[in-house]
Amino acid sequence: MPFIEPTLRPFTRSDILGFNPGELGVYGLLKDKQWIYIGKGDIRIRLLAHLNGDNENISNQQPSHWVAEITDNYQDRELQLIDEYQPLCNK
């Protein structure tokens, strides 16, 4: 099952800071319709960490957009989305 509301947002500090702090769920990073990474946790904190280069493999792919889905069941949901999208950096 794809992201529930796949609204593409620019992968920029200002856009990420506009997301509510403390929201738990899953998120995806992509560039040119290619899924780069799907992760889980505090969405804002994790996206800022990726933007700051915490994972070289993700940084090298230069993500341009992100999507997020707030959910309590983020661990299982992450696995579903990874299976669906097969992102480059989750292999």
N, C-alpha and C. Protein backbone atom coordinates (compact mmCIF):
# COMPACT_ATOMS: atom_id res chain seq x y z
N MET A 1 0.84 -1.18 0.00
CA MET A 1 0.00 0.00 0.00
C MET A 1 0.89 1.24 0.00
N PRO A 2 0.71 2.14 -0.97
CA PRO A 2 1.54 3.35 -1.06
C PRO A 2 1.28 4.32 0.09
N PHE A 3 2.09 5.38 0.16
CA PHE A 3 1.87 6.42 1.15
C PHE A 3 0.42 6.89 1.04
N ILE A 4 -0.23 7.12 2.16
CA ILE A 4 -1.65 7.49 2.18
C ILE A 4 -1.88 8.83 1.48
N GLU A 5 -1.11 9.84 1.81
CA GLU A 5 -1.22 11.14 1.15
C GLU A 5 0.18 11.54 0.66
N PRO A 6 0.54 11.10 -0.53
CA PRO A 6 1.92 11.32 -1.01
C PRO A 6 2.18 12.74 -1.53
N THR A 7 1.99 13.72 -0.65
CA THR A 7 2.27 15.10 -1.03
C THR A 7 3.78 15.33 -1.05
N LEU A 8 4.32 15.62 -2.22
CA LEU A 8 5.76 15.87 -2.34
C LEU A 8 6.10 17.24 -1.77
N ARG A 9 7.09 17.26 -0.88
CA ARG A 9 7.55 18.50 -0.29
C ARG A 9 9.03 18.67 -0.62
N PRO A 10 9.48 19.89 -0.82
CA PRO A 10 10.90 20.11 -1.11
C PRO A 10 11.77 19.69 0.08
N PHE A 11 12.88 19.05 -0.22
CA PHE A 11 13.81 18.60 0.82
C PHE A 11 14.72 19.77 1.20
N THR A 12 14.13 20.73 1.92
CA THR A 12 14.84 21.93 2.36
C THR A 12 14.63 22.11 3.86
N ARG A 13 15.58 22.78 4.49
CA ARG A 13 15.47 23.03 5.93
C ARG A 13 14.18 23.76 6.27
N SER A 14 13.85 24.80 5.52
CA SER A 14 12.66 25.59 5.85
C SER A 14 11.39 24.75 5.72
N ASP A 15 11.32 23.89 4.74
CA ASP A 15 10.13 23.05 4.59
C ASP A 15 10.04 22.01 5.71
N ILE A 16 11.16 21.41 6.05
CA ILE A 16 11.17 20.42 7.13
C ILE A 16 10.81 21.08 8.46
N LEU A 17 11.33 22.27 8.72
CA LEU A 17 11.02 22.97 9.97
C LEU A 17 9.54 23.36 10.05
N GLY A 18 8.85 23.39 8.92
CA GLY A 18 7.42 23.66 8.92
C GLY A 18 6.58 22.47 9.35
N PHE A 19 7.20 21.30 9.47
CA PHE A 19 6.49 20.10 9.91
C PHE A 19 6.44 20.10 11.43
N ASN A 20 5.33 19.69 12.00
CA ASN A 20 5.17 19.71 13.46
C ASN A 20 6.21 18.84 14.16
N PRO A 21 6.86 19.39 15.20
CA PRO A 21 7.82 18.59 15.96
C PRO A 21 7.11 17.47 16.73
N GLY A 22 7.81 16.38 16.94
CA GLY A 22 7.29 15.28 17.75
C GLY A 22 6.33 14.34 17.05
N GLU A 23 6.10 14.53 15.76
CA GLU A 23 5.19 13.65 15.02
C GLU A 23 5.93 12.36 14.64
N LEU A 24 5.38 11.23 15.06
CA LEU A 24 5.99 9.93 14.76
C LEU A 24 5.31 9.32 13.55
N GLY A 25 6.11 8.63 12.75
CA GLY A 25 5.56 7.98 11.58
C GLY A 25 6.64 7.52 10.64
N VAL A 26 6.30 7.48 9.36
CA VAL A 26 7.23 7.06 8.31
C VAL A 26 7.41 8.21 7.32
N TYR A 27 8.53 8.16 6.62
CA TYR A 27 8.82 9.21 5.63
C TYR A 27 9.61 8.58 4.49
N GLY A 28 9.56 9.22 3.35
CA GLY A 28 10.31 8.76 2.20
C GLY A 28 11.05 9.90 1.55
N LEU A 29 12.24 9.62 1.07
CA LEU A 29 13.06 10.59 0.34
C LEU A 29 13.16 10.14 -1.11
N LEU A 30 13.04 11.07 -2.04
CA LEU A 30 13.13 10.70 -3.43
C LEU A 30 13.73 11.81 -4.28
N LYS A 31 14.12 11.42 -5.49
CA LYS A 31 14.64 12.35 -6.48
C LYS A 31 14.23 11.83 -7.85
N ASP A 32 13.65 12.69 -8.65
CA ASP A 32 13.24 12.31 -10.01
C ASP A 32 12.41 11.03 -10.04
N LYS A 33 11.45 10.94 -9.16
CA LYS A 33 10.53 9.79 -9.07
C LYS A 33 11.22 8.48 -8.67
N GLN A 34 12.46 8.55 -8.22
CA GLN A 34 13.19 7.38 -7.73
C GLN A 34 13.23 7.44 -6.21
N TRP A 35 12.71 6.41 -5.56
CA TRP A 35 12.74 6.36 -4.10
C TRP A 35 14.16 6.08 -3.64
N ILE A 36 14.64 6.91 -2.74
CA ILE A 36 16.01 6.79 -2.24
C ILE A 36 16.03 6.09 -0.89
N TYR A 37 15.13 6.49 0.00
CA TYR A 37 15.16 5.94 1.36
C TYR A 37 13.79 6.07 2.00
N ILE A 38 13.43 5.07 2.80
CA ILE A 38 12.22 5.11 3.61
C ILE A 38 12.65 4.86 5.04
N GLY A 39 12.21 5.73 5.94
CA GLY A 39 12.59 5.61 7.34
C GLY A 39 11.41 5.82 8.26
N LYS A 40 11.70 5.74 9.56
CA LYS A 40 10.65 5.85 10.57
C LYS A 40 11.18 6.62 11.77
N GLY A 41 10.27 7.06 12.63
CA GLY A 41 10.64 7.74 13.86
C GLY A 41 10.03 9.12 13.93
N ASP A 42 10.69 10.01 14.67
CA ASP A 42 10.27 11.41 14.74
C ASP A 42 10.61 12.03 13.39
N ILE A 43 9.61 12.28 12.60
CA ILE A 43 9.81 12.65 11.19
C ILE A 43 10.69 13.88 11.04
N ARG A 44 10.40 14.91 11.79
CA ARG A 44 11.17 16.16 11.66
C ARG A 44 12.64 15.96 12.04
N ILE A 45 12.88 15.29 13.15
CA ILE A 45 14.25 15.05 13.61
C ILE A 45 15.03 14.20 12.60
N ARG A 46 14.39 13.15 12.10
CA ARG A 46 15.08 12.27 11.15
C ARG A 46 15.38 12.98 9.83
N LEU A 47 14.41 13.77 9.32
CA LEU A 47 14.65 14.49 8.07
C LEU A 47 15.77 15.51 8.21
N LEU A 48 15.80 16.22 9.34
CA LEU A 48 16.88 17.19 9.56
C LEU A 48 18.23 16.49 9.64
N ALA A 49 18.26 15.31 10.27
CA ALA A 49 19.52 14.55 10.35
C ALA A 49 19.99 14.17 8.94
N HIS A 50 19.07 13.71 8.10
CA HIS A 50 19.45 13.36 6.73
C HIS A 50 19.91 14.59 5.95
N LEU A 51 19.22 15.70 6.15
CA LEU A 51 19.60 16.93 5.46
C LEU A 51 21.01 17.37 5.88
N ASN A 52 21.37 17.10 7.12
CA ASN A 52 22.70 17.45 7.64
C ASN A 52 23.76 16.41 7.29
N GLY A 53 23.40 15.40 6.51
CA GLY A 53 24.39 14.44 6.02
C GLY A 53 24.72 13.30 6.95
N ASP A 54 23.77 12.86 7.79
CA ASP A 54 24.05 11.79 8.74
C ASP A 54 24.30 10.44 8.06
N ASN A 55 23.86 10.28 6.82
CA ASN A 55 24.05 9.03 6.09
C ASN A 55 24.62 9.36 4.72
N GLU A 56 25.86 9.01 4.51
CA GLU A 56 26.55 9.36 3.26
C GLU A 56 25.87 8.77 2.03
N ASN A 57 25.36 7.54 2.16
CA ASN A 57 24.69 6.91 1.02
C ASN A 57 23.48 7.72 0.58
N ILE A 58 22.71 8.20 1.54
CA ILE A 58 21.54 9.02 1.22
C ILE A 58 21.98 10.36 0.65
N SER A 59 22.95 11.00 1.28
CA SER A 59 23.43 12.30 0.81
C SER A 59 23.95 12.23 -0.63
N ASN A 60 24.64 11.16 -0.96
CA ASN A 60 25.19 11.01 -2.31
C ASN A 60 24.10 10.93 -3.38
N GLN A 61 22.92 10.48 -2.99
CA GLN A 61 21.80 10.39 -3.94
C GLN A 61 21.10 11.74 -4.14
N GLN A 62 21.42 12.71 -3.32
CA GLN A 62 20.88 14.08 -3.41
C GLN A 62 19.35 14.12 -3.51
N PRO A 63 18.66 13.67 -2.45
CA PRO A 63 17.20 13.72 -2.50
C PRO A 63 16.69 15.14 -2.70
N SER A 64 15.61 15.25 -3.44
CA SER A 64 15.04 16.57 -3.73
C SER A 64 13.69 16.78 -3.06
N HIS A 65 13.01 15.69 -2.70
CA HIS A 65 11.68 15.79 -2.12
C HIS A 65 11.49 14.74 -1.03
N TRP A 66 10.46 14.96 -0.22
CA TRP A 66 10.11 14.00 0.82
C TRP A 66 8.60 13.95 0.97
N VAL A 67 8.15 12.84 1.52
CA VAL A 67 6.75 12.66 1.89
C VAL A 67 6.73 12.07 3.29
N ALA A 68 5.61 12.23 3.98
CA ALA A 68 5.52 11.71 5.34
C ALA A 68 4.11 11.20 5.61
N GLU A 69 4.04 10.28 6.54
CA GLU A 69 2.76 9.71 6.97
C GLU A 69 2.83 9.51 8.48
N ILE A 70 1.96 10.17 9.20
CA ILE A 70 1.92 10.02 10.65
C ILE A 70 1.15 8.75 10.98
N THR A 71 1.76 7.90 11.81
CA THR A 71 1.13 6.64 12.19
C THR A 71 1.75 6.12 13.47
N ASP A 72 0.93 5.46 14.29
CA ASP A 72 1.44 4.81 15.50
C ASP A 72 2.14 3.50 15.16
N ASN A 73 1.77 2.92 14.05
CA ASN A 73 2.29 1.63 13.63
C ASN A 73 3.47 1.80 12.66
N TYR A 74 4.38 2.71 13.00
CA TYR A 74 5.42 3.08 12.04
C TYR A 74 6.43 1.98 11.75
N GLN A 75 6.65 1.06 12.69
CA GLN A 75 7.63 0.00 12.42
C GLN A 75 7.14 -0.95 11.33
N ASP A 76 5.90 -1.39 11.44
CA ASP A 76 5.34 -2.27 10.41
C ASP A 76 5.13 -1.51 9.10
N ARG A 77 4.69 -0.26 9.22
CA ARG A 77 4.42 0.53 8.02
C ARG A 77 5.69 0.77 7.22
N GLU A 78 6.81 0.99 7.92
CA GLU A 78 8.09 1.18 7.22
C GLU A 78 8.41 -0.05 6.37
N LEU A 79 8.24 -1.24 6.93
CA LEU A 79 8.53 -2.47 6.20
C LEU A 79 7.63 -2.62 4.98
N GLN A 80 6.34 -2.26 5.12
CA GLN A 80 5.41 -2.32 3.98
C GLN A 80 5.87 -1.39 2.86
N LEU A 81 6.24 -0.17 3.23
CA LEU A 81 6.65 0.81 2.22
C LEU A 81 7.97 0.43 1.55
N ILE A 82 8.90 -0.11 2.31
CA ILE A 82 10.17 -0.57 1.73
C ILE A 82 9.89 -1.68 0.72
N ASP A 83 9.00 -2.60 1.08
CA ASP A 83 8.65 -3.68 0.17
C ASP A 83 7.98 -3.13 -1.10
N GLU A 84 7.13 -2.14 -0.94
CA GLU A 84 6.40 -1.54 -2.07
C GLU A 84 7.32 -0.76 -3.01
N TYR A 85 8.18 0.09 -2.45
CA TYR A 85 8.96 1.03 -3.26
C TYR A 85 10.39 0.58 -3.57
N GLN A 86 10.94 -0.34 -2.81
CA GLN A 86 12.31 -0.82 -3.01
C GLN A 86 13.32 0.34 -3.14
N PRO A 87 13.39 1.23 -2.13
CA PRO A 87 14.30 2.38 -2.23
C PRO A 87 15.77 1.96 -2.29
N LEU A 88 16.56 2.76 -2.99
CA LEU A 88 17.97 2.45 -3.23
C LEU A 88 18.78 2.23 -1.95
N CYS A 89 18.55 3.05 -0.93
CA CYS A 89 19.40 3.01 0.27
C CYS A 89 18.83 2.15 1.39
N ASN A 90 17.77 1.41 1.14
CA ASN A 90 17.25 0.47 2.13
C ASN A 90 17.62 -0.97 1.78
N LYS A 91 18.47 -1.16 0.80
CA LYS A 91 18.81 -2.53 0.36
C LYS A 91 20.03 -3.04 1.08
